[in-house]
PDB file of all heavy atoms in Angstrom:
ATOM      1  N   SER A   1     -22.232  -4.043   2.146  1.00  0.00           N
ATOM      2  CA  SER A   1     -21.152  -4.745   2.926  1.00  0.00           C
ATOM      3  C   SER A   1     -19.792  -3.982   2.707  1.00  0.00           C
ATOM      4  O   SER A   1     -19.539  -3.763   1.469  1.00  0.00           O
ATOM      5  CB  SER A   1     -21.176  -6.115   2.495  1.00  0.00           C
ATOM      6  OG  SER A   1     -22.367  -6.783   2.796  1.00  0.00           O
ATOM      7  N   PHE A   2     -19.016  -3.761   3.685  1.00  0.00           N
ATOM      8  CA  PHE A   2     -17.729  -3.234   3.570  1.00  0.00           C
ATOM      9  C   PHE A   2     -16.681  -4.053   4.275  1.00  0.00           C
ATOM     10  O   PHE A   2     -17.052  -4.738   5.162  1.00  0.00           O
ATOM     11  CB  PHE A   2     -17.776  -1.794   4.202  1.00  0.00           C
ATOM     12  CG  PHE A   2     -18.589  -0.854   3.502  1.00  0.00           C
ATOM     13  CD1 PHE A   2     -19.906  -0.507   3.963  1.00  0.00           C
ATOM     14  CD2 PHE A   2     -18.166  -0.139   2.435  1.00  0.00           C
ATOM     15  CE1 PHE A   2     -20.641   0.432   3.276  1.00  0.00           C
ATOM     16  CE2 PHE A   2     -18.882   0.753   1.745  1.00  0.00           C
ATOM     17  CZ  PHE A   2     -20.155   1.089   2.149  1.00  0.00           C
ATOM     18  N   ILE A   3     -15.467  -4.015   3.805  1.00  0.00           N
ATOM     19  CA  ILE A   3     -14.415  -4.565   4.532  1.00  0.00           C
ATOM     20  C   ILE A   3     -13.723  -3.419   5.162  1.00  0.00           C
ATOM     21  O   ILE A   3     -13.590  -2.382   4.670  1.00  0.00           O
ATOM     22  CB  ILE A   3     -13.415  -5.407   3.644  1.00  0.00           C
ATOM     23  CG1 ILE A   3     -12.772  -4.487   2.583  1.00  0.00           C
ATOM     24  CG2 ILE A   3     -14.096  -6.570   2.995  1.00  0.00           C
ATOM     25  CD1 ILE A   3     -11.733  -5.188   1.811  1.00  0.00           C
ATOM     26  N   TRP A   4     -13.291  -3.687   6.457  1.00  0.00           N
ATOM     27  CA  TRP A   4     -12.607  -2.691   7.177  1.00  0.00           C
ATOM     28  C   TRP A   4     -11.886  -3.298   8.408  1.00  0.00           C
ATOM     29  O   TRP A   4     -12.099  -4.329   8.703  1.00  0.00           O
ATOM     30  CB  TRP A   4     -13.587  -1.679   7.690  1.00  0.00           C
ATOM     31  CG  TRP A   4     -14.752  -2.143   8.560  1.00  0.00           C
ATOM     32  CD1 TRP A   4     -15.836  -2.737   8.200  1.00  0.00           C
ATOM     33  CD2 TRP A   4     -14.778  -2.268   9.980  1.00  0.00           C
ATOM     34  NE1 TRP A   4     -16.659  -3.101   9.162  1.00  0.00           N
ATOM     35  CE2 TRP A   4     -16.032  -2.895  10.342  1.00  0.00           C
ATOM     36  CE3 TRP A   4     -13.909  -1.925  11.016  1.00  0.00           C
ATOM     37  CZ2 TRP A   4     -16.319  -3.136  11.746  1.00  0.00           C
ATOM     38  CZ3 TRP A   4     -14.335  -2.116  12.333  1.00  0.00           C
ATOM     39  CH2 TRP A   4     -15.551  -2.851  12.551  1.00  0.00           C
ATOM     40  N   GLY A   5     -10.987  -2.496   8.972  1.00  0.00           N
ATOM     41  CA  GLY A   5     -10.256  -2.953  10.123  1.00  0.00           C
ATOM     42  C   GLY A   5      -9.199  -4.057   9.742  1.00  0.00           C
ATOM     43  O   GLY A   5      -8.828  -4.185   8.584  1.00  0.00           O
ATOM     44  N   GLY A   6      -8.812  -4.756  10.675  1.00  0.00           N
ATOM     45  CA  GLY A   6      -7.875  -5.797  10.528  1.00  0.00           C
ATOM     46  C   GLY A   6      -6.461  -5.302  10.314  1.00  0.00           C
ATOM     47  O   GLY A   6      -6.174  -4.172  10.589  1.00  0.00           O
ATOM     48  N   ARG A   7      -5.649  -6.153   9.703  1.00  0.00           N
ATOM     49  CA  ARG A   7      -4.161  -5.837   9.555  1.00  0.00           C
ATOM     50  C   ARG A   7      -3.862  -5.457   8.106  1.00  0.00           C
ATOM     51  O   ARG A   7      -3.966  -6.141   7.127  1.00  0.00           O
ATOM     52  CB  ARG A   7      -3.433  -7.074   9.932  1.00  0.00           C
ATOM     53  CG  ARG A   7      -3.674  -7.458  11.394  1.00  0.00           C
ATOM     54  CD  ARG A   7      -2.889  -8.660  11.803  1.00  0.00           C
ATOM     55  NE  ARG A   7      -3.288  -9.023  13.225  1.00  0.00           N
ATOM     56  CZ  ARG A   7      -3.064 -10.146  13.790  1.00  0.00           C
ATOM     57  NH1 ARG A   7      -2.419 -11.079  13.131  1.00  0.00           N
ATOM     58  NH2 ARG A   7      -3.413 -10.268  15.018  1.00  0.00           N
ATOM     59  N   GLY A   8      -3.698  -4.129   7.930  1.00  0.00           N
ATOM     60  CA  GLY A   8      -3.491  -3.483   6.731  1.00  0.00           C
ATOM     61  C   GLY A   8      -2.334  -3.936   5.873  1.00  0.00           C
ATOM     62  O   GLY A   8      -2.388  -4.020   4.655  1.00  0.00           O
ATOM     63  N   SER A   9      -1.358  -4.344   6.605  1.00  0.00           N
ATOM     64  CA  SER A   9      -0.051  -4.741   5.956  1.00  0.00           C
ATOM     65  C   SER A   9      -0.340  -6.058   5.239  1.00  0.00           C
ATOM     66  O   SER A   9       0.178  -6.225   4.106  1.00  0.00           O
ATOM     67  CB  SER A   9       1.085  -4.886   6.886  1.00  0.00           C
ATOM     68  OG  SER A   9       0.821  -5.837   7.901  1.00  0.00           O
ATOM     69  N   ILE A  10      -1.043  -6.943   5.813  1.00  0.00           N
ATOM     70  CA  ILE A  10      -1.322  -8.264   5.166  1.00  0.00           C
ATOM     71  C   ILE A  10      -2.269  -7.971   3.982  1.00  0.00           C
ATOM     72  O   ILE A  10      -2.240  -8.577   2.901  1.00  0.00           O
ATOM     73  CB  ILE A  10      -2.026  -9.170   6.152  1.00  0.00           C
ATOM     74  CG1 ILE A  10      -1.005  -9.475   7.265  1.00  0.00           C
ATOM     75  CG2 ILE A  10      -2.369 -10.531   5.491  1.00  0.00           C
ATOM     76  CD1 ILE A  10      -1.447 -10.281   8.427  1.00  0.00           C
ATOM     77  N   ARG A  11      -3.337  -7.173   4.187  1.00  0.00           N
ATOM     78  CA  ARG A  11      -4.254  -6.789   3.171  1.00  0.00           C
ATOM     79  C   ARG A  11      -3.595  -6.297   1.947  1.00  0.00           C
ATOM     80  O   ARG A  11      -3.955  -6.588   0.816  1.00  0.00           O
ATOM     81  CB  ARG A  11      -5.377  -5.917   3.685  1.00  0.00           C
ATOM     82  CG  ARG A  11      -6.590  -5.906   2.981  1.00  0.00           C
ATOM     83  CD  ARG A  11      -7.805  -5.159   3.695  1.00  0.00           C
ATOM     84  NE  ARG A  11      -7.484  -4.002   4.272  1.00  0.00           N
ATOM     85  CZ  ARG A  11      -7.385  -3.662   5.515  1.00  0.00           C
ATOM     86  NH1 ARG A  11      -7.610  -4.672   6.457  1.00  0.00           N
ATOM     87  NH2 ARG A  11      -7.091  -2.447   5.983  1.00  0.00           N
ATOM     88  N   ARG A  12      -2.685  -5.333   2.080  1.00  0.00           N
ATOM     89  CA  ARG A  12      -1.943  -4.720   1.018  1.00  0.00           C
ATOM     90  C   ARG A  12      -1.200  -5.872   0.237  1.00  0.00           C
ATOM     91  O   ARG A  12      -1.167  -5.880  -0.998  1.00  0.00           O
ATOM     92  CB  ARG A  12      -1.095  -3.695   1.471  1.00  0.00           C
ATOM     93  CG  ARG A  12      -1.667  -2.353   1.799  1.00  0.00           C
ATOM     94  CD  ARG A  12      -0.682  -1.280   2.078  1.00  0.00           C
ATOM     95  NE  ARG A  12       0.076  -1.462   3.331  1.00  0.00           N
ATOM     96  CZ  ARG A  12      -0.367  -1.094   4.545  1.00  0.00           C
ATOM     97  NH1 ARG A  12      -1.540  -0.432   4.532  1.00  0.00           N
ATOM     98  NH2 ARG A  12       0.401  -1.201   5.583  1.00  0.00           N
ATOM     99  N   VAL A  13      -0.460  -6.700   0.858  1.00  0.00           N
ATOM    100  CA  VAL A  13       0.297  -7.717   0.306  1.00  0.00           C
ATOM    101  C   VAL A  13      -0.637  -8.733  -0.528  1.00  0.00           C
ATOM    102  O   VAL A  13      -0.404  -9.149  -1.668  1.00  0.00           O
ATOM    103  CB  VAL A  13       1.129  -8.590   1.302  1.00  0.00           C
ATOM    104  CG1 VAL A  13       1.711  -9.821   0.638  1.00  0.00           C
ATOM    105  CG2 VAL A  13       2.254  -7.714   1.838  1.00  0.00           C
ATOM    106  N   LEU A  14      -1.771  -9.055   0.048  1.00  0.00           N
ATOM    107  CA  LEU A  14      -2.668  -9.982  -0.662  1.00  0.00           C
ATOM    108  C   LEU A  14      -3.254  -9.286  -1.832  1.00  0.00           C
ATOM    109  O   LEU A  14      -3.561  -9.913  -2.860  1.00  0.00           O
ATOM    110  CB  LEU A  14      -3.859 -10.379   0.345  1.00  0.00           C
ATOM    111  CG  LEU A  14      -3.449 -11.392   1.451  1.00  0.00           C
ATOM    112  CD1 LEU A  14      -4.577 -11.558   2.385  1.00  0.00           C
ATOM    113  CD2 LEU A  14      -2.821 -12.654   0.873  1.00  0.00           C
ATOM    114  N   TYR A  15      -3.527  -7.991  -1.778  1.00  0.00           N
ATOM    115  CA  TYR A  15      -4.128  -7.230  -2.958  1.00  0.00           C
ATOM    116  C   TYR A  15      -3.053  -7.221  -4.122  1.00  0.00           C
ATOM    117  O   TYR A  15      -3.423  -7.436  -5.133  1.00  0.00           O
ATOM    118  CB  TYR A  15      -4.451  -5.830  -2.439  1.00  0.00           C
ATOM    119  CG  TYR A  15      -4.910  -4.958  -3.630  1.00  0.00           C
ATOM    120  CD1 TYR A  15      -6.177  -5.131  -4.135  1.00  0.00           C
ATOM    121  CD2 TYR A  15      -3.996  -4.018  -4.246  1.00  0.00           C
ATOM    122  CE1 TYR A  15      -6.613  -4.310  -5.237  1.00  0.00           C
ATOM    123  CE2 TYR A  15      -4.401  -3.220  -5.265  1.00  0.00           C
ATOM    124  CZ  TYR A  15      -5.733  -3.308  -5.849  1.00  0.00           C
ATOM    125  OH  TYR A  15      -6.066  -2.635  -6.877  1.00  0.00           O
ATOM    126  N   MET A  16      -1.743  -6.903  -3.791  1.00  0.00           N
ATOM    127  CA  MET A  16      -0.876  -6.830  -4.896  1.00  0.00           C
ATOM    128  C   MET A  16      -0.556  -8.265  -5.430  1.00  0.00           C
ATOM    129  O   MET A  16      -0.274  -8.382  -6.670  1.00  0.00           O
ATOM    130  CB  MET A  16       0.497  -6.258  -4.331  1.00  0.00           C
ATOM    131  CG  MET A  16       0.403  -4.829  -4.035  1.00  0.00           C
ATOM    132  SD  MET A  16      -0.216  -3.887  -5.367  1.00  0.00           S
ATOM    133  CE  MET A  16       0.983  -4.085  -6.644  1.00  0.00           C
ATOM    134  N   ALA A  17      -0.666  -9.308  -4.638  1.00  0.00           N
ATOM    135  CA  ALA A  17      -0.613 -10.672  -5.137  1.00  0.00           C
ATOM    136  C   ALA A  17      -1.709 -10.963  -6.075  1.00  0.00           C
ATOM    137  O   ALA A  17      -1.496 -11.538  -7.125  1.00  0.00           O
ATOM    138  CB  ALA A  17      -0.421 -11.702  -4.016  1.00  0.00           C
ATOM    139  N   ALA A  18      -2.892 -10.548  -5.667  1.00  0.00           N
ATOM    140  CA  ALA A  18      -3.982 -10.789  -6.572  1.00  0.00           C
ATOM    141  C   ALA A  18      -3.947 -10.003  -7.889  1.00  0.00           C
ATOM    142  O   ALA A  18      -4.252 -10.511  -9.006  1.00  0.00           O
ATOM    143  CB  ALA A  18      -5.322 -10.385  -5.820  1.00  0.00           C
ATOM    144  N   VAL A  19      -3.522  -8.717  -7.862  1.00  0.00           N
ATOM    145  CA  VAL A  19      -3.303  -7.986  -9.043  1.00  0.00           C
ATOM    146  C   VAL A  19      -2.245  -8.664  -9.949  1.00  0.00           C
ATOM    147  O   VAL A  19      -2.534  -8.744 -11.243  1.00  0.00           O
ATOM    148  CB  VAL A  19      -2.835  -6.459  -8.687  1.00  0.00           C
ATOM    149  CG1 VAL A  19      -2.438  -5.796  -9.972  1.00  0.00           C
ATOM    150  CG2 VAL A  19      -3.988  -5.772  -8.057  1.00  0.00           C
ATOM    151  N   ALA A  20      -1.188  -9.082  -9.417  1.00  0.00           N
ATOM    152  CA  ALA A  20      -0.082  -9.729 -10.246  1.00  0.00           C
ATOM    153  C   ALA A  20      -0.651 -10.998 -10.801  1.00  0.00           C
ATOM    154  O   ALA A  20      -0.411 -11.282 -11.941  1.00  0.00           O
ATOM    155  CB  ALA A  20       1.111  -9.943  -9.347  1.00  0.00           C
ATOM    156  N   ALA A  21      -1.399 -11.841 -10.072  1.00  0.00           N
ATOM    157  CA  ALA A  21      -1.995 -12.962 -10.518  1.00  0.00           C
ATOM    158  C   ALA A  21      -2.964 -12.814 -11.680  1.00  0.00           C
ATOM    159  O   ALA A  21      -2.985 -13.586 -12.719  1.00  0.00           O
ATOM    160  CB  ALA A  21      -2.660 -13.849  -9.408  1.00  0.00           C
ATOM    161  N   THR A  22      -3.695 -11.714 -11.633  1.00  0.00           N
ATOM    162  CA  THR A  22      -4.705 -11.457 -12.753  1.00  0.00           C
ATOM    163  C   THR A  22      -3.954 -11.067 -14.058  1.00  0.00           C
ATOM    164  O   THR A  22      -4.478 -11.104 -15.113  1.00  0.00           O
ATOM    165  CB  THR A  22      -5.701 -10.412 -12.444  1.00  0.00           C
ATOM    166  OG1 THR A  22      -5.112  -9.169 -11.989  1.00  0.00           O
ATOM    167  CG2 THR A  22      -6.664 -10.828 -11.218  1.00  0.00           C
ATOM    168  N   ARG A  23      -2.725 -10.557 -13.979  1.00  0.00           N
ATOM    169  CA  ARG A  23      -2.054 -10.198 -15.024  1.00  0.00           C
ATOM    170  C   ARG A  23      -1.176 -11.258 -15.697  1.00  0.00           C
ATOM    171  O   ARG A  23      -0.990 -11.303 -16.850  1.00  0.00           O
ATOM    172  CB  ARG A  23      -1.148  -8.947 -14.724  1.00  0.00           C
ATOM    173  CG  ARG A  23      -1.946  -7.578 -14.443  1.00  0.00           C
ATOM    174  CD  ARG A  23      -1.070  -6.513 -14.079  1.00  0.00           C
ATOM    175  NE  ARG A  23      -1.874  -5.295 -13.825  1.00  0.00           N
ATOM    176  CZ  ARG A  23      -1.385  -4.264 -13.357  1.00  0.00           C
ATOM    177  NH1 ARG A  23      -0.111  -4.149 -13.089  1.00  0.00           N
ATOM    178  NH2 ARG A  23      -2.196  -3.264 -13.086  1.00  0.00           N
ATOM    179  N   CYS A  24      -0.640 -12.022 -14.831  1.00  0.00           N
ATOM    180  CA  CYS A  24       0.455 -13.000 -15.246  1.00  0.00           C
ATOM    181  C   CYS A  24      -0.038 -14.419 -15.300  1.00  0.00           C
ATOM    182  O   CYS A  24       0.471 -15.217 -16.134  1.00  0.00           O
ATOM    183  CB  CYS A  24       1.669 -12.949 -14.371  1.00  0.00           C
ATOM    184  SG  CYS A  24       2.424 -11.298 -14.337  1.00  0.00           S
ATOM    185  N   ASN A  25      -0.972 -14.818 -14.413  1.00  0.00           N
ATOM    186  CA  ASN A  25      -1.374 -16.222 -14.441  1.00  0.00           C
ATOM    187  C   ASN A  25      -2.616 -16.497 -15.311  1.00  0.00           C
ATOM    188  O   ASN A  25      -3.642 -15.805 -15.106  1.00  0.00           O
ATOM    189  CB  ASN A  25      -1.760 -16.568 -12.993  1.00  0.00           C
ATOM    190  CG  ASN A  25      -2.048 -18.043 -12.721  1.00  0.00           C
ATOM    191  OD1 ASN A  25      -2.533 -18.762 -13.673  1.00  0.00           O
ATOM    192  ND2 ASN A  25      -1.836 -18.556 -11.558  1.00  0.00           N
ATOM    193  N   PRO A  26      -2.485 -17.216 -16.375  1.00  0.00           N
ATOM    194  CA  PRO A  26      -3.619 -17.430 -17.328  1.00  0.00           C
ATOM    195  C   PRO A  26      -4.862 -17.937 -16.714  1.00  0.00           C
ATOM    196  O   PRO A  26      -6.063 -17.543 -17.131  1.00  0.00           O
ATOM    197  CB  PRO A  26      -3.099 -18.276 -18.442  1.00  0.00           C
ATOM    198  CG  PRO A  26      -1.793 -18.764 -17.968  1.00  0.00           C
ATOM    199  CD  PRO A  26      -1.327 -17.966 -16.696  1.00  0.00           C
ATOM    200  N   VAL A  27      -4.712 -18.955 -15.827  1.00  0.00           N
ATOM    201  CA  VAL A  27      -5.911 -19.466 -15.224  1.00  0.00           C
ATOM    202  C   VAL A  27      -6.693 -18.422 -14.354  1.00  0.00           C
ATOM    203  O   VAL A  27      -7.821 -18.273 -14.398  1.00  0.00           O
ATOM    204  CB  VAL A  27      -5.518 -20.654 -14.336  1.00  0.00           C
ATOM    205  CG1 VAL A  27      -6.805 -21.251 -13.562  1.00  0.00           C
ATOM    206  CG2 VAL A  27      -4.921 -21.689 -15.207  1.00  0.00           C
ATOM    207  N   ILE A  28      -5.910 -17.673 -13.526  1.00  0.00           N
ATOM    208  CA  ILE A  28      -6.547 -16.687 -12.687  1.00  0.00           C
ATOM    209  C   ILE A  28      -7.091 -15.589 -13.511  1.00  0.00           C
ATOM    210  O   ILE A  28      -8.184 -14.952 -13.277  1.00  0.00           O
ATOM    211  CB  ILE A  28      -5.515 -16.101 -11.710  1.00  0.00           C
ATOM    212  CG1 ILE A  28      -4.897 -17.162 -10.821  1.00  0.00           C
ATOM    213  CG2 ILE A  28      -5.967 -14.889 -10.828  1.00  0.00           C
ATOM    214  CD1 ILE A  28      -5.894 -17.725  -9.810  1.00  0.00           C
ATOM    215  N   ARG A  29      -6.433 -15.194 -14.649  1.00  0.00           N
ATOM    216  CA  ARG A  29      -6.925 -14.062 -15.524  1.00  0.00           C
ATOM    217  C   ARG A  29      -8.305 -14.518 -16.048  1.00  0.00           C
ATOM    218  O   ARG A  29      -9.154 -13.613 -16.037  1.00  0.00           O
ATOM    219  CB  ARG A  29      -5.937 -13.865 -16.575  1.00  0.00           C
ATOM    220  CG  ARG A  29      -6.356 -12.689 -17.514  1.00  0.00           C
ATOM    221  CD  ARG A  29      -5.378 -12.470 -18.722  1.00  0.00           C
ATOM    222  NE  ARG A  29      -3.996 -12.545 -18.226  1.00  0.00           N
ATOM    223  CZ  ARG A  29      -2.985 -12.939 -19.053  1.00  0.00           C
ATOM    224  NH1 ARG A  29      -3.341 -13.433 -20.195  1.00  0.00           N
ATOM    225  NH2 ARG A  29      -1.764 -12.941 -18.595  1.00  0.00           N
ATOM    226  N   VAL A  30      -8.481 -15.664 -16.564  1.00  0.00           N
ATOM    227  CA  VAL A  30      -9.669 -16.095 -17.186  1.00  0.00           C
ATOM    228  C   VAL A  30     -10.794 -16.028 -15.920  1.00  0.00           C
ATOM    229  O   VAL A  30     -11.918 -15.562 -16.222  1.00  0.00           O
ATOM    230  CB  VAL A  30      -9.618 -17.540 -17.727  1.00  0.00           C
ATOM    231  CG1 VAL A  30     -10.958 -18.026 -18.064  1.00  0.00           C
ATOM    232  CG2 VAL A  30      -8.775 -17.593 -18.920  1.00  0.00           C
ATOM    233  N   PHE A  31     -10.484 -16.468 -14.826  1.00  0.00           N
ATOM    234  CA  PHE A  31     -11.382 -16.523 -13.705  1.00  0.00           C
ATOM    235  C   PHE A  31     -11.751 -15.052 -13.379  1.00  0.00           C
ATOM    236  O   PHE A  31     -12.919 -14.662 -13.211  1.00  0.00           O
ATOM    237  CB  PHE A  31     -10.820 -17.190 -12.524  1.00  0.00           C
ATOM    238  CG  PHE A  31     -11.694 -17.265 -11.331  1.00  0.00           C
ATOM    239  CD1 PHE A  31     -12.868 -17.963 -11.322  1.00  0.00           C
ATOM    240  CD2 PHE A  31     -11.326 -16.531 -10.228  1.00  0.00           C
ATOM    241  CE1 PHE A  31     -13.678 -17.980 -10.181  1.00  0.00           C
ATOM    242  CE2 PHE A  31     -12.114 -16.543  -9.042  1.00  0.00           C
ATOM    243  CZ  PHE A  31     -13.352 -17.289  -8.989  1.00  0.00           C
ATOM    244  N   TYR A  32     -10.821 -14.082 -13.343  1.00  0.00           N
ATOM    245  CA  TYR A  32     -11.101 -12.758 -12.971  1.00  0.00           C
ATOM    246  C   TYR A  32     -11.969 -12.115 -14.085  1.00  0.00           C
ATOM    247  O   TYR A  32     -12.764 -11.342 -13.731  1.00  0.00           O
ATOM    248  CB  TYR A  32      -9.715 -11.980 -12.806  1.00  0.00           C
ATOM    249  CG  TYR A  32      -9.857 -10.559 -12.619  1.00  0.00           C
ATOM    250  CD1 TYR A  32     -10.283 -10.040 -11.421  1.00  0.00           C
ATOM    251  CD2 TYR A  32      -9.502  -9.574 -13.597  1.00  0.00           C
ATOM    252  CE1 TYR A  32     -10.420  -8.707 -11.241  1.00  0.00           C
ATOM    253  CE2 TYR A  32      -9.631  -8.296 -13.379  1.00  0.00           C
ATOM    254  CZ  TYR A  32     -10.062  -7.805 -12.211  1.00  0.00           C
ATOM    255  OH  TYR A  32     -10.132  -6.433 -12.052  1.00  0.00           O
ATOM    256  N   GLN A  33     -11.666 -12.367 -15.303  1.00  0.00           N
ATOM    257  CA  GLN A  33     -12.431 -11.852 -16.397  1.00  0.00           C
ATOM    258  C   GLN A  33     -13.847 -12.267 -16.386  1.00  0.00           C
ATOM    259  O   GLN A  33     -14.811 -11.484 -16.634  1.00  0.00           O
ATOM    260  CB  GLN A  33     -11.851 -12.260 -17.838  1.00  0.00           C
ATOM    261  CG  GLN A  33     -10.490 -11.531 -18.076  1.00  0.00           C
ATOM    262  CD  GLN A  33     -10.550 -10.069 -18.197  1.00  0.00           C
ATOM    263  OE1 GLN A  33     -11.523  -9.508 -18.633  1.00  0.00           O
ATOM    264  NE2 GLN A  33      -9.541  -9.434 -17.738  1.00  0.00           N
ATOM    265  N   ARG A  34     -14.137 -13.481 -15.955  1.00  0.00           N
ATOM    266  CA  ARG A  34     -15.451 -13.981 -15.736  1.00  0.00           C
ATOM    267  C   ARG A  34     -16.140 -13.324 -14.567  1.00  0.00           C
ATOM    268  O   ARG A  34     -17.303 -12.996 -14.706  1.00  0.00           O
ATOM    269  CB  ARG A  34     -15.428 -15.502 -15.537  1.00  0.00           C
ATOM    270  CG  ARG A  34     -16.809 -16.078 -15.635  1.00  0.00           C
ATOM    271  CD  ARG A  34     -16.788 -17.584 -15.386  1.00  0.00           C
ATOM    272  NE  ARG A  34     -16.314 -17.854 -14.007  1.00  0.00           N
ATOM    273  CZ  ARG A  34     -15.803 -18.940 -13.626  1.00  0.00           C
ATOM    274  NH1 ARG A  34     -15.733 -19.999 -14.437  1.00  0.00           N
ATOM    275  NH2 ARG A  34     -15.440 -19.052 -12.315  1.00  0.00           N
ATOM    276  N   LEU A  35     -15.454 -13.006 -13.587  1.00  0.00           N
ATOM    277  CA  LEU A  35     -16.010 -12.376 -12.333  1.00  0.00           C
ATOM    278  C   LEU A  35     -16.483 -10.815 -12.644  1.00  0.00           C
ATOM    279  O   LEU A  35     -17.443 -10.416 -12.093  1.00  0.00           O
ATOM    280  CB  LEU A  35     -15.065 -12.380 -11.183  1.00  0.00           C
ATOM    281  CG  LEU A  35     -14.866 -13.777 -10.544  1.00  0.00           C
ATOM    282  CD1 LEU A  35     -13.885 -13.587  -9.354  1.00  0.00           C
ATOM    283  CD2 LEU A  35     -16.208 -14.193  -9.958  1.00  0.00           C
ATOM    284  N   ILE A  36     -15.662 -10.145 -13.490  1.00  0.00           N
ATOM    285  CA  ILE A  36     -15.873  -8.668 -13.647  1.00  0.00           C
ATOM    286  C   ILE A  36     -16.903  -8.433 -14.766  1.00  0.00           C
ATOM    287  O   ILE A  36     -17.299  -7.382 -14.991  1.00  0.00           O
ATOM    288  CB  ILE A  36     -14.598  -7.977 -13.941  1.00  0.00           C
ATOM    289  CG1 ILE A  36     -13.910  -8.408 -15.229  1.00  0.00           C
ATOM    290  CG2 ILE A  36     -13.601  -8.040 -12.834  1.00  0.00           C
ATOM    291  CD1 ILE A  36     -12.763  -7.591 -15.628  1.00  0.00           C
ATOM    292  N   LYS A  37     -17.387  -9.512 -15.408  1.00  0.00           N
ATOM    293  CA  LYS A  37     -18.386  -9.270 -16.508  1.00  0.00           C
ATOM    294  C   LYS A  37     -19.687  -8.645 -15.925  1.00  0.00           C
ATOM    295  O   LYS A  37     -20.243  -7.738 -16.508  1.00  0.00           O
ATOM    296  CB  LYS A  37     -18.748 -10.620 -17.197  1.00  0.00           C
ATOM    297  CG  LYS A  37     -17.726 -10.983 -18.299  1.00  0.00           C
ATOM    298  CD  LYS A  37     -18.234 -12.195 -18.913  1.00  0.00           C
ATOM    299  CE  LYS A  37     -17.198 -12.527 -20.069  1.00  0.00           C
ATOM    300  NZ  LYS A  37     -17.563 -13.773 -20.748  1.00  0.00           N
ATOM    301  N   GLY A  38     -20.079  -9.163 -14.763  1.00  0.00           N
ATOM    302  CA  GLY A  38     -21.332  -8.562 -14.379  1.00  0.00           C
ATOM    303  C   GLY A  38     -21.217  -7.462 -13.200  1.00  0.00           C
ATOM    304  O   GLY A  38     -22.218  -6.977 -12.686  1.00  0.00           O
ATOM    305  N   VAL A  39     -20.044  -7.069 -12.910  1.00  0.00           N
ATOM    306  CA  VAL A  39     -19.770  -6.164 -11.869  1.00  0.00           C
ATOM    307  C   VAL A  39     -19.267  -4.804 -12.381  1.00  0.00           C
ATOM    308  O   VAL A  39     -18.418  -4.753 -13.282  1.00  0.00           O
ATOM    309  CB  VAL A  39     -18.673  -6.792 -10.950  1.00  0.00           C
ATOM    310  CG1 VAL A  39     -18.404  -5.786  -9.782  1.00  0.00           C
ATOM    311  CG2 VAL A  39     -19.129  -8.083 -10.324  1.00  0.00           C
ATOM    312  N   LYS A  40     -19.843  -3.762 -11.963  1.00  0.00           N
ATOM    313  CA  LYS A  40     -19.379  -2.396 -12.337  1.00  0.00           C
ATOM    314  C   LYS A  40     -18.069  -2.023 -11.827  1.00  0.00           C
ATOM    315  O   LYS A  40     -17.223  -1.358 -12.476  1.00  0.00           O
ATOM    316  CB  LYS A  40     -20.428  -1.397 -11.993  1.00  0.00           C
ATOM    317  CG  LYS A  40     -21.710  -1.474 -12.764  1.00  0.00           C
ATOM    318  CD  LYS A  40     -22.751  -0.430 -12.455  1.00  0.00           C
ATOM    319  CE  LYS A  40     -23.989  -0.626 -13.122  1.00  0.00           C
ATOM    320  NZ  LYS A  40     -25.053   0.349 -12.688  1.00  0.00           N
ATOM    321  N   LEU A  41     -17.818  -2.444 -10.553  1.00  0.00           N
ATOM    322  CA  LEU A  41     -16.531  -2.017  -9.965  1.00  0.00           C
ATOM    323  C   LEU A  41     -15.470  -3.144 -10.161  1.00  0.00           C
ATOM    324  O   LEU A  41     -15.636  -4.306  -9.853  1.00  0.00           O
ATOM    325  CB  LEU A  41     -16.696  -1.915  -8.403  1.00  0.00           C
ATOM    326  CG  LEU A  41     -17.714  -0.906  -7.924  1.00  0.00           C
ATOM    327  CD1 LEU A  41     -18.013  -0.986  -6.563  1.00  0.00           C
ATOM    328  CD2 LEU A  41     -17.305   0.525  -8.300  1.00  0.00           C
ATOM    329  N   GLN A  42     -14.357  -2.722 -10.760  1.00  0.00           N
ATOM    330  CA  GLN A  42     -13.250  -3.593 -11.179  1.00  0.00           C
ATOM    331  C   GLN A  42     -12.598  -4.195 -10.005  1.00  0.00           C
ATOM    332  O   GLN A  42     -12.047  -5.334 -10.091  1.00  0.00           O
ATOM    333  CB  GLN A  42     -12.314  -2.863 -12.141  1.00  0.00           C
ATOM    334  CG  GLN A  42     -12.888  -2.433 -13.399  1.00  0.00           C
ATOM    335  CD  GLN A  42     -13.057  -3.518 -14.324  1.00  0.00           C
ATOM    336  OE1 GLN A  42     -12.284  -4.357 -14.443  1.00  0.00           O
ATOM    337  NE2 GLN A  42     -14.215  -3.471 -15.041  1.00  0.00           N
ATOM    338  N   LYS A  43     -12.416  -3.501  -8.807  1.00  0.00           N
ATOM    339  CA  LYS A  43     -11.693  -3.949  -7.589  1.00  0.00           C
ATOM    340  C   LYS A  43     -12.565  -4.890  -6.846  1.00  0.00           C
ATOM    341  O   LYS A  43     -11.866  -5.594  -5.974  1.00  0.00           O
ATOM    342  CB  LYS A  43     -11.405  -2.692  -6.759  1.00  0.00           C
ATOM    343  CG  LYS A  43     -10.206  -1.897  -7.373  1.00  0.00           C
ATOM    344  CD  LYS A  43      -9.818  -0.913  -6.319  1.00  0.00           C
ATOM    345  CE  LYS A  43      -8.722  -0.060  -6.868  1.00  0.00           C
ATOM    346  NZ  LYS A  43      -8.264   0.905  -5.872  1.00  0.00           N
TER     347      LYS A  43
END
């Protein structure tokens, strides 16, 4: 499954918001750490 198409400007903003949330928000950070345990790709 791939994501493609759509509005790239919105996708870039949402990606950067998710990156910032995984670094600064403790609740999101714990959730992100739990998600990446079983996944090889960090993104």
